[in-house]
Protein backbone atom coordinates (compact mmCIF):
# COMPACT_ATOMS: atom_id res chain seq x y z
CA MET A 1 -3.44 -23.38 4.37
CA ASN A 2 -5.39 -20.16 5.01
CA ILE A 3 -4.00 -16.94 3.55
CA ILE A 4 -5.40 -13.46 4.24
CA VAL A 5 -4.54 -10.67 1.83
CA CYS A 6 -5.09 -7.03 2.83
CA VAL A 7 -5.70 -4.63 -0.05
CA LYS A 8 -6.58 -0.95 -0.47
CA GLN A 9 -8.43 1.07 -3.08
CA VAL A 10 -6.33 4.05 -4.17
CA PRO A 11 -6.61 6.79 -6.80
CA ASP A 12 -4.61 6.16 -9.96
CA THR A 13 -1.58 8.36 -9.27
CA ALA A 14 -0.98 8.83 -12.99
CA GLU A 15 -4.17 10.92 -13.05
CA ILE A 16 -3.87 12.79 -9.74
CA ARG A 17 -4.06 16.58 -9.82
CA ILE A 18 -4.02 19.18 -7.03
CA ASP A 19 -6.61 21.96 -6.82
CA PRO A 20 -4.50 25.18 -6.76
CA VAL A 21 -7.14 27.00 -4.68
CA THR A 22 -7.97 24.43 -2.00
CA ASN A 23 -4.65 22.52 -2.19
CA THR A 24 -6.54 19.23 -2.04
CA LEU A 25 -6.67 16.25 -4.37
CA ILE A 26 -9.08 16.57 -7.29
CA ARG A 27 -10.89 13.22 -7.14
CA ASP A 28 -13.62 13.91 -9.70
CA GLY A 29 -12.95 11.87 -12.80
CA VAL A 30 -9.96 10.10 -11.24
CA GLN A 31 -10.13 6.33 -11.53
CA SER A 32 -9.74 4.24 -8.37
CA ILE A 33 -7.70 1.05 -8.60
CA MET A 34 -6.36 -1.72 -6.38
CA ASN A 35 -3.07 -0.57 -4.89
CA PRO A 36 -0.42 -2.09 -7.22
CA TYR A 37 1.71 -3.51 -4.38
CA ASP A 38 -1.41 -5.15 -2.92
CA LYS A 39 -2.08 -6.69 -6.32
CA TYR A 40 1.39 -8.25 -6.19
CA ALA A 41 0.55 -9.58 -2.70
CA LEU A 42 -2.67 -11.08 -4.07
CA GLU A 43 -0.78 -12.68 -6.95
CA ALA A 44 1.72 -14.17 -4.50
CA ALA A 45 -1.19 -15.64 -2.50
CA LEU A 46 -2.80 -17.06 -5.63
CA GLU A 47 0.50 -18.66 -6.67
CA LEU A 48 0.58 -20.41 -3.28
CA LYS A 49 -3.03 -21.43 -3.82
CA ASP A 50 -2.14 -22.92 -7.20
CA SER A 51 0.78 -24.89 -5.76
CA MET A 52 -0.62 -25.87 -2.35
CA GLY A 53 -4.39 -25.61 -2.53
CA ALA A 54 -4.54 -22.67 -0.12
CA LYS A 55 -7.70 -20.73 0.70
CA VAL A 56 -7.35 -17.01 -0.06
CA THR A 57 -9.44 -14.41 1.79
CA VAL A 58 -9.15 -10.74 0.77
CA LEU A 59 -9.97 -7.85 3.11
CA THR A 60 -10.17 -4.12 2.50
CA MET A 61 -11.21 -1.13 4.58
CA GLY A 62 -12.94 1.74 2.84
CA PRO A 63 -16.20 3.28 1.62
CA PRO A 64 -18.86 1.21 -0.17
CA GLN A 65 -17.25 1.77 -3.59
CA ALA A 66 -14.21 -0.22 -2.39
CA LYS A 67 -16.30 -3.30 -3.16
CA GLU A 68 -15.05 -2.93 -6.74
CA ILE A 69 -11.51 -4.03 -5.90
CA LEU A 70 -12.91 -6.98 -3.93
CA LYS A 71 -14.79 -8.03 -7.05
CA ASP A 72 -11.49 -7.72 -8.93
CA ALA A 73 -9.91 -10.02 -6.32
CA ILE A 74 -12.67 -12.61 -6.79
CA SER A 75 -12.27 -12.34 -10.56
CA MET A 76 -8.55 -13.09 -10.20
CA GLY A 77 -9.17 -16.18 -8.07
CA ALA A 78 -9.70 -15.22 -4.42
CA ASP A 79 -12.09 -17.48 -2.50
CA GLU A 80 -13.67 -15.06 -0.03
CA VAL A 81 -13.71 -11.29 0.51
CA ALA A 82 -15.03 -8.78 3.03
CA LEU A 83 -15.33 -5.00 3.16
CA ILE A 84 -14.60 -3.27 6.46
CA SER A 85 -16.73 -0.14 6.30
CA ASP A 86 -18.16 2.13 8.97
CA ARG A 87 -18.44 5.87 9.53
CA ALA A 88 -16.48 5.25 12.72
CA PHE A 89 -13.40 4.52 10.58
CA ALA A 90 -13.39 7.99 8.99
CA GLY A 91 -10.14 9.88 9.48
CA SER A 92 -8.13 6.82 10.51
CA ASP A 93 -4.36 7.18 10.29
CA THR A 94 -2.12 4.15 9.80
CA LEU A 95 -2.27 3.11 13.46
CA ALA A 96 -6.07 3.27 13.60
CA THR A 97 -6.26 1.48 10.26
CA SER A 98 -4.02 -1.30 11.56
CA HIS A 99 -6.33 -1.78 14.57
CA ALA A 100 -9.32 -2.11 12.24
CA MET A 101 -7.54 -4.56 9.94
CA VAL A 102 -6.40 -6.69 12.90
CA ALA A 103 -10.00 -6.85 14.11
CA ALA A 104 -11.02 -8.01 10.64
CA VAL A 105 -8.30 -10.68 10.63
CA LYS A 106 -9.52 -11.96 14.00
CA HIS A 107 -13.10 -11.90 12.66
CA VAL A 108 -12.01 -14.18 9.81
CA GLY A 109 -10.59 -16.67 12.29
CA ASP A 110 -7.86 -19.18 11.51
CA PHE A 111 -4.99 -18.07 9.29
CA ASP A 112 -1.47 -19.21 8.51
CA LEU A 113 -0.19 -16.25 6.53
CA ILE A 114 -1.10 -12.59 6.09
CA LEU A 115 0.10 -10.79 2.96
CA CYS A 116 0.00 -7.02 2.41
CA GLY A 117 1.49 -4.76 -0.22
CA LYS A 118 4.71 -3.13 1.00
CA GLN A 119 3.02 0.30 0.90
CA ALA A 120 0.11 2.19 -0.64
CA ILE A 121 0.88 4.53 -3.53
CA ASP A 122 -1.34 7.29 -2.14
CA GLY A 123 0.33 7.56 1.28
CA ASP A 124 3.65 5.69 0.86
CA THR A 125 3.96 5.15 4.63
CA ALA A 126 4.62 1.37 4.57
CA GLN A 127 3.34 1.26 8.17
CA VAL A 128 0.04 -0.64 8.27
CA GLY A 129 1.44 -4.13 7.59
CA PRO A 130 4.23 -3.93 10.21
CA GLU A 131 1.81 -2.41 12.74
CA MET A 132 -0.58 -5.32 12.18
CA ALA A 133 2.24 -7.78 12.79
CA GLU A 134 3.10 -6.00 16.04
CA HIS A 135 -0.52 -6.07 17.27
CA LEU A 136 -0.82 -9.77 16.40
CA HIS A 137 2.63 -10.66 17.82
CA LEU A 138 3.64 -12.20 14.50
CA PRO A 139 7.08 -12.52 12.91
CA GLN A 140 7.28 -10.36 9.81
CA VAL A 141 9.35 -9.70 6.70
CA THR A 142 8.91 -6.57 4.58
CA GLY A 143 9.50 -5.99 0.87
CA ALA A 144 9.30 -9.62 -0.23
CA THR A 145 10.03 -10.59 -3.83
CA LYS A 146 9.49 -14.36 -3.48
CA ILE A 147 7.62 -16.47 -0.93
CA VAL A 148 8.00 -20.23 -0.48
CA VAL A 149 6.19 -22.17 2.23
CA ASP A 150 8.29 -25.02 3.61
CA GLY A 151 6.39 -27.01 6.22
CA ALA A 152 5.95 -24.93 9.35
CA LYS A 153 8.10 -22.08 8.07
CA VAL A 154 8.17 -19.68 5.15
CA LEU A 155 11.23 -18.67 3.14
CA VAL A 156 11.19 -15.08 1.94
CA ASN A 157 13.47 -13.42 -0.60
CA ARG A 158 13.86 -9.67 -0.26
CA ASP A 159 16.15 -6.99 -1.66
CA ASN A 160 17.62 -4.04 0.17
CA GLU A 161 19.85 -1.23 -1.04
CA THR A 162 22.99 -3.34 -1.47
CA THR A 163 22.17 -7.04 -1.12
CA ALA A 164 19.57 -9.74 -1.59
CA GLN A 165 18.44 -11.73 1.43
CA THR A 166 16.64 -14.99 2.10
CA ILE A 167 14.92 -15.05 5.50
CA ALA A 168 13.19 -17.99 7.17
CA ILE A 169 10.42 -17.29 9.69
CA PRO A 170 7.90 -19.60 11.40
CA LEU A 171 4.22 -19.64 10.56
CA PRO A 172 1.90 -17.95 11.23
CA ALA A 173 3.54 -14.80 9.89
CA LEU A 174 2.91 -11.50 8.12
CA ILE A 175 4.77 -10.51 4.95
CA THR A 176 4.61 -7.31 2.93
CA VAL A 177 5.21 -7.78 -0.79
CA ALA A 178 7.21 -5.55 -3.12
CA ARG A 179 6.60 -7.69 -6.17
CA SER A 180 5.64 -11.25 -7.07
CA GLU A 181 7.52 -13.71 -9.26
CA LYS A 182 4.87 -13.27 -11.94
CA GLU A 183 2.93 -10.22 -13.02
CA PRO A 184 -0.59 -10.16 -11.50
CA ARG A 185 -2.88 -12.40 -13.50
CA PHE A 186 -5.83 -11.21 -15.51
CA ALA A 187 -9.38 -11.92 -14.36
CA SER A 188 -10.90 -15.09 -15.75
CA ILE A 189 -14.35 -15.29 -17.34
CA LYS A 190 -15.39 -17.75 -14.62
CA GLY A 191 -14.03 -15.39 -11.96
CA LYS A 192 -15.88 -12.42 -13.41
CA MET A 193 -19.15 -14.36 -13.41
CA LYS A 194 -18.57 -15.36 -9.78
CA ALA A 195 -17.79 -11.78 -8.81
CA ARG A 196 -20.89 -10.45 -10.56
CA LYS A 197 -23.13 -12.79 -8.57
CA MET A 198 -21.37 -12.47 -5.22
CA GLU A 199 -22.85 -10.41 -2.41
CA ILE A 200 -19.90 -8.68 -0.73
CA PRO A 201 -20.15 -8.92 3.09
CA VAL A 202 -19.67 -5.64 4.96
CA TRP A 203 -18.32 -5.64 8.51
CA SER A 204 -18.82 -2.68 10.83
CA ALA A 205 -16.89 -1.83 13.97
CA ALA A 206 -19.72 -3.33 16.02
CA ASP A 207 -19.66 -6.55 13.97
CA MET A 208 -16.01 -6.99 14.93
CA ASN A 209 -16.46 -5.88 18.58
CA LEU A 210 -13.97 -3.09 17.91
CA ASP A 211 -13.39 -0.32 20.45
CA VAL A 212 -14.26 2.94 18.65
CA ASN A 213 -11.69 4.79 20.75
CA ILE A 214 -8.82 3.16 18.82
CA ILE A 215 -10.15 3.85 15.31
CA GLY A 216 -11.13 6.93 13.31
CA LEU A 217 -10.00 10.36 14.42
CA ASN A 218 -10.19 9.36 18.10
CA GLY A 219 -7.65 6.61 17.59
CA SER A 220 -5.33 8.54 15.27
CA PRO A 221 -2.29 10.18 16.90
CA THR A 222 -1.21 11.64 13.54
CA LYS A 223 -3.30 14.00 11.44
CA VAL A 224 -2.80 15.62 8.03
CA ILE A 225 -3.01 19.39 8.52
CA THR A 226 -2.75 20.38 4.87
CA VAL A 227 -1.73 19.08 1.47
CA PHE A 228 -0.10 21.41 -1.02
CA THR A 229 1.98 21.53 -4.16
CA PRO A 230 5.49 22.87 -3.43
CA PRO A 231 6.02 26.24 -5.13
CA VAL A 232 8.12 26.15 -8.28
CA PRO A 233 11.27 28.20 -7.67
CA GLU A 234 11.99 31.06 -10.01
CA ILE A 235 14.79 30.09 -12.34
CA ARG A 236 17.05 32.86 -13.61
CA SER A 237 19.90 32.28 -15.99
CA GLU A 238 22.73 34.32 -17.43
CA ILE A 239 24.97 33.41 -20.32
CA PHE A 240 28.58 34.55 -20.45
CA ASN A 241 29.57 34.97 -24.08
CA GLU A 242 33.28 35.40 -23.64
CA GLU A 243 35.93 34.38 -26.10
CA ASP A 244 38.33 33.67 -23.25
CA PRO A 245 37.05 30.73 -21.14
CA GLN A 246 39.00 31.98 -18.12
CA VAL A 247 37.14 35.30 -18.17
CA ALA A 248 33.82 33.44 -18.34
CA VAL A 249 34.82 31.25 -15.38
CA ASP A 250 35.85 34.30 -13.34
CA LYS A 251 32.48 35.95 -13.99
CA LEU A 252 30.65 32.76 -13.06
CA VAL A 253 32.56 32.48 -9.79
CA GLU A 254 31.74 36.10 -8.93
CA LYS A 255 28.04 35.46 -9.53
CA LEU A 256 28.13 32.36 -7.31
CA LEU A 257 29.87 34.35 -4.59
CA GLU A 258 27.27 37.11 -4.81
CA ALA A 259 24.48 34.54 -4.48
CA LYS A 260 26.32 32.97 -1.52
CA ILE A 261 26.22 29.59 -3.23
CA ILE A 262 29.97 29.28 -2.67
CA ALA A 263 32.24 30.92 -0.11
CA ARG A 264 35.58 32.62 -0.60
């Protein structure tokens, strides 16, 4: 069984700050990590590898420093990795990113299952995985909590707002993962040694015969105009120190009426 896992390098949101002058993210000194949901997807793939002997290939799109999370994937137990990196990818929105990732999947070749994190913590769009499934004409399930391969189909547990579901879909398929049955494993010493020695392959748009008109800014129908911190509203308070609670309530109601928070 061949499993492809798509991961993304993201800034650690616990350390993110906004520049009050430029209204942009301050990236200096902020650690980059593997997107936590993608790490759950990788763990789910490695659990299938442990139980079925699957081959796990990990792909990411990003700048050269994104190689670090691919080394983390190798250290955890992935078999092969590749970095999709090219100046032509700059400015890609989710749609353009999905085109690039689909090209990478096709460049890998045979696969039975594609796993992605349910969303990235820097953008929270949850769009790339489903868009990939649409481009590849694959059945998909989002927000998986458990994945079991049963012959030519896969059984997926997922939770929604009110119920838990078990869905069966045929292979090949694409699944986005909300969490795995186990917490992501730690890197092994053997895995770290393998990662240290491995030369990470880098695939450009040309390597994957990818039309540059569907990636980068040219292929992005959505664009971020600005990022800003919402202004903190001014909070004013007034305390009614009245011995008679009814008098205090009457004064409060009058203030709410004046502020047009309530109507007569």
